[in-house]
């Protein structure tokens, strides 16, 4: 019979919790909504995504995508952030980040953004000449667009 001290049991418990959290984030993201039937299919190859709100945060990208996703500063010309969406404007630059994801990771992002139900995914030209997918609210403009 194995005799474990209280300290050993605590460390074992912590290790099990960390292992379960890692599994949930990387392999079984049960915390993400289901993919909406109206979501567009993912492309065949890796793509860039432009994040201007929650996706600018590395921890959010880790939890949603399932891995540490490096990002670099990026800019979208002619757009400004308006609450949870973008508005087309003249002579403005919207700062954000650009990061690369696989088709499977893009599906996880679509689940997070509820693409097809709350948000749509638009391919937009960034200031540096690269294209990236950008998530934008579907439907009404203004305060009505904020209703869940």
Protein backbone atom coordinates (compact mmCIF):
# COMPACT_ATOMS: atom_id res chain seq x y z
CA UNK A 1 0.00 0.00 0.00
CA UNK A 2 1.27 3.46 -0.92
CA UNK A 3 1.34 5.95 1.93
CA UNK A 4 1.06 9.54 0.67
CA UNK A 5 1.48 12.56 2.89
CA UNK A 6 -0.93 15.50 2.82
CA UNK A 7 1.59 17.53 0.81
CA UNK A 8 1.95 14.75 -1.77
CA UNK A 9 -1.83 14.43 -2.10
CA UNK A 10 -2.15 18.20 -2.59
CA UNK A 11 0.52 18.17 -5.31
CA UNK A 12 -1.15 15.20 -6.99
CA UNK A 13 -4.50 17.02 -6.89
CA UNK A 14 -2.99 20.15 -8.40
CA UNK A 15 -1.32 18.08 -11.13
CA UNK A 16 -4.63 16.40 -11.98
CA UNK A 17 -6.44 19.75 -12.15
CA UNK A 18 -3.75 21.18 -14.43
CA UNK A 19 -3.92 18.09 -16.65
CA UNK A 20 -7.73 18.33 -16.88
CA UNK A 21 -7.59 22.05 -17.72
CA UNK A 22 -4.93 21.42 -20.37
CA UNK A 23 -7.09 18.68 -21.91
CA UNK A 24 -10.17 20.94 -21.93
CA UNK A 25 -8.31 23.81 -23.59
CA UNK A 26 -6.36 21.79 -26.14
CA UNK A 27 -8.56 18.81 -26.99
CA UNK A 28 -12.13 19.23 -25.76
CA UNK A 29 -13.25 22.87 -25.64
CA UNK A 30 -16.66 22.16 -24.12
CA UNK A 31 -16.86 25.82 -23.05
CA UNK A 32 -17.17 27.00 -26.67
CA UNK A 33 -20.64 27.28 -28.23
CA UNK A 34 -21.52 24.83 -31.00
CA UNK A 35 -20.67 25.80 -34.55
CA UNK A 36 -23.70 27.50 -36.10
CA UNK A 37 -25.18 25.90 -39.23
CA UNK A 38 -24.89 29.29 -40.98
CA UNK A 39 -21.13 29.56 -40.38
CA UNK A 40 -19.09 29.56 -43.60
CA UNK A 41 -16.77 26.63 -44.20
CA UNK A 42 -13.14 27.17 -43.26
CA UNK A 43 -10.57 27.65 -46.01
CA UNK A 44 -8.24 24.78 -46.90
CA UNK A 45 -5.02 26.46 -45.75
CA UNK A 46 -3.74 28.48 -42.82
CA UNK A 47 -5.07 32.04 -42.70
CA UNK A 48 -4.53 35.33 -40.90
CA UNK A 49 -7.09 36.70 -38.46
CA UNK A 50 -7.23 40.35 -37.39
CA UNK A 51 -8.21 40.84 -33.75
CA UNK A 52 -9.26 44.24 -32.46
CA UNK A 53 -11.00 43.42 -29.16
CA UNK A 54 -10.82 40.25 -27.05
CA UNK A 55 -8.62 38.44 -29.58
CA UNK A 56 -5.82 40.94 -28.90
CA UNK A 57 -5.27 39.19 -25.54
CA UNK A 58 -2.89 36.19 -25.58
CA UNK A 59 -4.83 34.33 -22.86
CA UNK A 60 -8.07 34.60 -24.85
CA UNK A 61 -6.32 33.25 -27.95
CA UNK A 62 -4.85 30.38 -25.88
CA UNK A 63 -8.22 29.37 -24.46
CA UNK A 64 -10.10 29.73 -27.77
CA UNK A 65 -7.53 28.36 -30.23
CA UNK A 66 -6.03 25.79 -27.87
CA UNK A 67 -2.40 26.86 -28.10
CA UNK A 68 -0.25 29.92 -27.58
CA UNK A 69 -0.80 31.94 -30.73
CA UNK A 70 1.86 34.55 -31.47
CA UNK A 71 0.50 37.81 -32.83
CA UNK A 72 1.98 40.90 -34.37
CA UNK A 73 0.64 44.44 -34.46
CA UNK A 74 -1.58 45.16 -37.45
CA UNK A 75 -3.75 48.02 -38.67
CA UNK A 76 -7.03 48.26 -40.56
CA UNK A 77 -7.44 51.51 -42.52
CA UNK A 78 -10.82 53.22 -42.77
CA UNK A 79 -12.44 51.41 -39.84
CA UNK A 80 -13.07 52.26 -36.19
CA UNK A 81 -14.23 50.12 -33.31
CA UNK A 82 -17.79 50.83 -32.22
CA UNK A 83 -18.70 48.83 -29.11
CA UNK A 84 -18.47 45.18 -30.26
CA UNK A 85 -18.36 45.98 -33.98
CA UNK A 86 -16.61 48.07 -36.62
CA UNK A 87 -17.81 51.15 -38.40
CA UNK A 88 -16.46 52.37 -41.70
CA UNK A 89 -14.87 55.80 -41.28
CA UNK A 90 -12.66 58.08 -43.30
CA UNK A 91 -9.05 58.73 -42.39
CA UNK A 92 -8.90 56.43 -39.36
CA UNK A 93 -6.66 53.53 -38.49
CA UNK A 94 -7.80 50.70 -36.24
CA UNK A 95 -4.95 49.08 -34.33
CA UNK A 96 -5.13 45.41 -33.51
CA UNK A 97 -3.18 42.21 -33.98
CA UNK A 98 -2.75 39.72 -36.78
CA UNK A 99 -2.19 36.04 -36.10
CA UNK A 100 -2.07 32.88 -38.19
CA UNK A 101 -4.35 29.88 -37.58
CA UNK A 102 -5.09 26.53 -39.19
CA UNK A 103 -8.53 25.69 -40.66
CA UNK A 104 -9.35 23.69 -37.51
CA UNK A 105 -8.34 26.61 -35.30
CA UNK A 106 -10.46 28.97 -37.41
CA UNK A 107 -13.46 26.73 -36.67
CA UNK A 108 -12.73 27.14 -32.95
CA UNK A 109 -12.65 30.91 -33.47
CA UNK A 110 -15.94 30.68 -35.38
CA UNK A 111 -17.45 28.83 -32.42
CA UNK A 112 -16.16 31.47 -30.00
CA UNK A 113 -17.47 34.35 -32.13
CA UNK A 114 -20.71 32.47 -32.87
CA UNK A 115 -20.14 33.01 -36.58
CA UNK A 116 -23.34 32.70 -38.56
CA UNK A 117 -25.50 33.72 -35.61
CA UNK A 118 -23.93 36.78 -33.94
CA UNK A 119 -20.91 37.54 -36.08
CA UNK A 120 -19.79 37.10 -39.65
CA UNK A 121 -16.27 36.56 -40.92
CA UNK A 122 -15.13 39.06 -43.59
CA UNK A 123 -11.85 38.92 -45.51
CA UNK A 124 -10.38 42.42 -45.30
CA UNK A 125 -7.22 44.12 -46.52
CA UNK A 126 -4.86 45.27 -43.77
CA UNK A 127 -2.69 48.36 -43.97
CA UNK A 128 0.42 46.29 -44.83
CA UNK A 129 -1.28 44.74 -47.89
CA UNK A 130 -2.04 41.34 -46.32
CA UNK A 131 -5.58 39.96 -46.13
CA UNK A 132 -7.01 38.73 -42.84
CA UNK A 133 -10.35 37.47 -41.58
CA UNK A 134 -12.18 39.99 -39.39
CA UNK A 135 -15.20 39.19 -37.22
CA UNK A 136 -18.08 41.70 -37.47
CA UNK A 137 -21.54 41.79 -35.94
CA UNK A 138 -24.45 40.58 -38.07
CA UNK A 139 -27.64 42.57 -38.40
CA UNK A 140 -28.75 45.79 -36.79
CA UNK A 141 -26.48 48.76 -36.32
CA UNK A 142 -26.21 50.64 -33.05
CA UNK A 143 -27.55 49.48 -29.67
CA UNK A 144 -29.84 46.85 -31.23
CA UNK A 145 -26.74 45.00 -32.43
CA UNK A 146 -25.71 44.42 -28.81
CA UNK A 147 -28.68 42.21 -27.90
CA UNK A 148 -27.81 38.56 -27.43
